[in-house]
Every structure is written in structure tokens, then in C-alpha cells.
Amino acid sequence: MELYIIINQVKKEVEMVKTYLFISGILFGALALGQLFRLVQRIPIQVGTSTVPVWVSMVGLIAALLLCLWAFQLTRKVST
């Protein structure tokens, strides 16, 4: 009986990790789309008196896209 409880607890924790990774992938994907939109539209961003160059969005796009892909890849690797 105790082993059954432990196995069920592990299954629940694995499902929680999969959900976390899936949501992280969605959020990083949305962030990547936002960076792509800024690149295409050349939307200016100002922080205080300084303007953030558009090329910074390219770095943000690459980073967010890599994190998105990584999260989805890990979601598939986690077994139940």
C-alpha cells in the first residue's frame, strides 16, 4: 500500500513538471513573437532618456525562441 502511494505521488509530480514546462514554453514563445513584432515594425522603445536599439530585440528573439524550444523539448522527454 505504501509503494502505491509513493508511485502516485511521483506521477503527480511528473505531471506538475510537464505542466510547468509547457506553460514556460508558451510564455517564452509569446515573448519571442513580441520581439519579432518589434523587429518587423521597428517600434521604438525608450528607457528614461535612452532609446533601445532594435538589434536588442534580435538578441531577445533568439534567447526567447531557444528557451521556448528547450521547454517544449523537455516536456516531451519527461515520462509519466
C-alpha atoms as a PDB file:
ATOM      1  CA  MET A   1       0.000   0.000   0.000  1.00  0.00           C
ATOM      2  CA  GLU A   2       2.821   2.418   0.846  1.00  0.00           C
ATOM      3  CA  LEU A   3       4.525   1.801  -2.516  1.00  0.00           C
ATOM      4  CA  TYR A   4       1.265   2.604  -4.319  1.00  0.00           C
ATOM      5  CA  ILE A   5       1.074   5.969  -2.526  1.00  0.00           C
ATOM      6  CA  ILE A   6       4.674   6.792  -3.440  1.00  0.00           C
ATOM      7  CA  ILE A   7       4.125   5.889  -7.097  1.00  0.00           C
ATOM      8  CA  ASN A   8       1.016   8.067  -7.286  1.00  0.00           C
ATOM      9  CA  GLN A   9       2.890  10.963  -5.680  1.00  0.00           C
ATOM     10  CA  VAL A  10       5.716  10.654  -8.216  1.00  0.00           C
ATOM     11  CA  LYS A  11       3.204  10.582 -11.088  1.00  0.00           C
ATOM     12  CA  LYS A  12       1.577  13.773  -9.791  1.00  0.00           C
ATOM     13  CA  GLU A  13       4.950  15.496  -9.507  1.00  0.00           C
ATOM     14  CA  VAL A  14       5.897  14.476 -13.045  1.00  0.00           C
ATOM     15  CA  GLU A  15       2.612  15.885 -14.342  1.00  0.00           C
ATOM     16  CA  MET A  16       3.274  19.138 -12.477  1.00  0.00           C
ATOM     17  CA  VAL A  17       6.719  19.399 -14.081  1.00  0.00           C
ATOM     18  CA  LYS A  18       5.249  18.740 -17.536  1.00  0.00           C
ATOM     19  CA  THR A  19       2.621  21.430 -16.986  1.00  0.00           C
ATOM     20  CA  TYR A  20       5.264  23.898 -15.782  1.00  0.00           C
ATOM     21  CA  LEU A  21       7.457  23.227 -18.828  1.00  0.00           C
ATOM     22  CA  PHE A  22       4.518  23.522 -21.225  1.00  0.00           C
ATOM     23  CA  ILE A  23       3.402  26.858 -19.758  1.00  0.00           C
ATOM     24  CA  SER A  24       7.005  28.107 -19.797  1.00  0.00           C
ATOM     25  CA  GLY A  25       7.248  27.183 -23.474  1.00  0.00           C
ATOM     26  CA  ILE A  26       4.063  29.097 -24.256  1.00  0.00           C
ATOM     27  CA  LEU A  27       5.250  32.181 -22.355  1.00  0.00           C
ATOM     28  CA  PHE A  28       8.680  32.189 -23.999  1.00  0.00           C
ATOM     29  CA  GLY A  29       7.003  31.675 -27.377  1.00  0.00           C
ATOM     30  CA  ALA A  30       4.777  34.699 -26.763  1.00  0.00           C
ATOM     31  CA  LEU A  31       7.829  36.716 -25.740  1.00  0.00           C
ATOM     32  CA  ALA A  32       9.615  35.653 -28.946  1.00  0.00           C
ATOM     33  CA  LEU A  33       6.599  36.731 -31.014  1.00  0.00           C
ATOM     34  CA  GLY A  34       6.631  40.113 -29.275  1.00  0.00           C
ATOM     35  CA  GLN A  35      10.308  40.581 -30.078  1.00  0.00           C
ATOM     36  CA  LEU A  36       9.698  39.537 -33.681  1.00  0.00           C
ATOM     37  CA  PHE A  37       6.832  42.030 -33.930  1.00  0.00           C
ATOM     38  CA  ARG A  38       9.096  44.814 -32.655  1.00  0.00           C
ATOM     39  CA  LEU A  39      11.775  43.854 -35.199  1.00  0.00           C
ATOM     40  CA  VAL A  40       9.353  43.833 -38.127  1.00  0.00           C
ATOM     41  CA  GLN A  41       7.511  47.007 -37.129  1.00  0.00           C
ATOM     42  CA  ARG A  42      10.675  48.807 -35.900  1.00  0.00           C
ATOM     43  CA  ILE A  43       8.826  50.009 -32.803  1.00  0.00           C
ATOM     44  CA  PRO A  44      10.973  52.406 -30.761  1.00  0.00           C
ATOM     45  CA  ILE A  45      11.436  51.724 -27.068  1.00  0.00           C
ATOM     46  CA  GLN A  46      12.665  54.398 -24.721  1.00  0.00           C
ATOM     47  CA  VAL A  47      14.059  53.822 -21.239  1.00  0.00           C
ATOM     48  CA  GLY A  48      14.439  57.129 -19.485  1.00  0.00           C
ATOM     49  CA  THR A  49      16.232  59.344 -21.980  1.00  0.00           C
ATOM     50  CA  SER A  50      17.862  56.468 -23.890  1.00  0.00           C
ATOM     51  CA  THR A  51      16.414  54.690 -26.896  1.00  0.00           C
ATOM     52  CA  VAL A  52      16.861  50.904 -27.004  1.00  0.00           C
ATOM     53  CA  PRO A  53      18.266  49.871 -30.403  1.00  0.00           C
ATOM     54  CA  VAL A  54      16.162  47.493 -32.497  1.00  0.00           C
ATOM     55  CA  TRP A  55      19.028  44.949 -32.687  1.00  0.00           C
ATOM     56  CA  VAL A  56      18.488  44.259 -28.968  1.00  0.00           C
ATOM     57  CA  SER A  57      15.183  42.665 -29.970  1.00  0.00           C
ATOM     58  CA  MET A  58      17.094  40.249 -32.192  1.00  0.00           C
ATOM     59  CA  VAL A  59      19.040  39.067 -29.151  1.00  0.00           C
ATOM     60  CA  GLY A  60      15.793  38.824 -27.177  1.00  0.00           C
ATOM     61  CA  LEU A  61      14.123  36.929 -30.024  1.00  0.00           C
ATOM     62  CA  ILE A  62      16.907  34.362 -30.233  1.00  0.00           C
ATOM     63  CA  ALA A  63      17.061  33.877 -26.452  1.00  0.00           C
ATOM     64  CA  ALA A  64      13.276  33.571 -26.049  1.00  0.00           C
ATOM     65  CA  LEU A  65      12.994  31.226 -29.023  1.00  0.00           C
ATOM     66  CA  LEU A  66      15.737  28.949 -27.695  1.00  0.00           C
ATOM     67  CA  LEU A  67      14.120  28.836 -24.252  1.00  0.00           C
ATOM     68  CA  CYS A  68      10.724  28.104 -25.846  1.00  0.00           C
ATOM     69  CA  LEU A  69      12.109  25.226 -27.894  1.00  0.00           C
ATOM     70  CA  TRP A  70      14.044  23.890 -24.912  1.00  0.00           C
ATOM     71  CA  ALA A  71      10.928  23.902 -22.705  1.00  0.00           C
ATOM     72  CA  PHE A  72       8.865  22.022 -25.312  1.00  0.00           C
ATOM     73  CA  GLN A  73      11.680  19.540 -25.894  1.00  0.00           C
ATOM     74  CA  LEU A  74      11.900  18.831 -22.161  1.00  0.00           C
ATOM     75  CA  THR A  75       8.117  18.496 -21.975  1.00  0.00           C
ATOM     76  CA  ARG A  76       8.312  15.642 -24.480  1.00  0.00           C
ATOM     77  CA  LYS A  77      11.243  13.988 -22.686  1.00  0.00           C
ATOM     78  CA  VAL A  78       9.589  13.884 -19.262  1.00  0.00           C
ATOM     79  CA  SER A  79       7.954  10.471 -18.946  1.00  0.00           C
ATOM     80  CA  THR A  80       4.926   9.537 -16.898  1.00  0.00           C
END
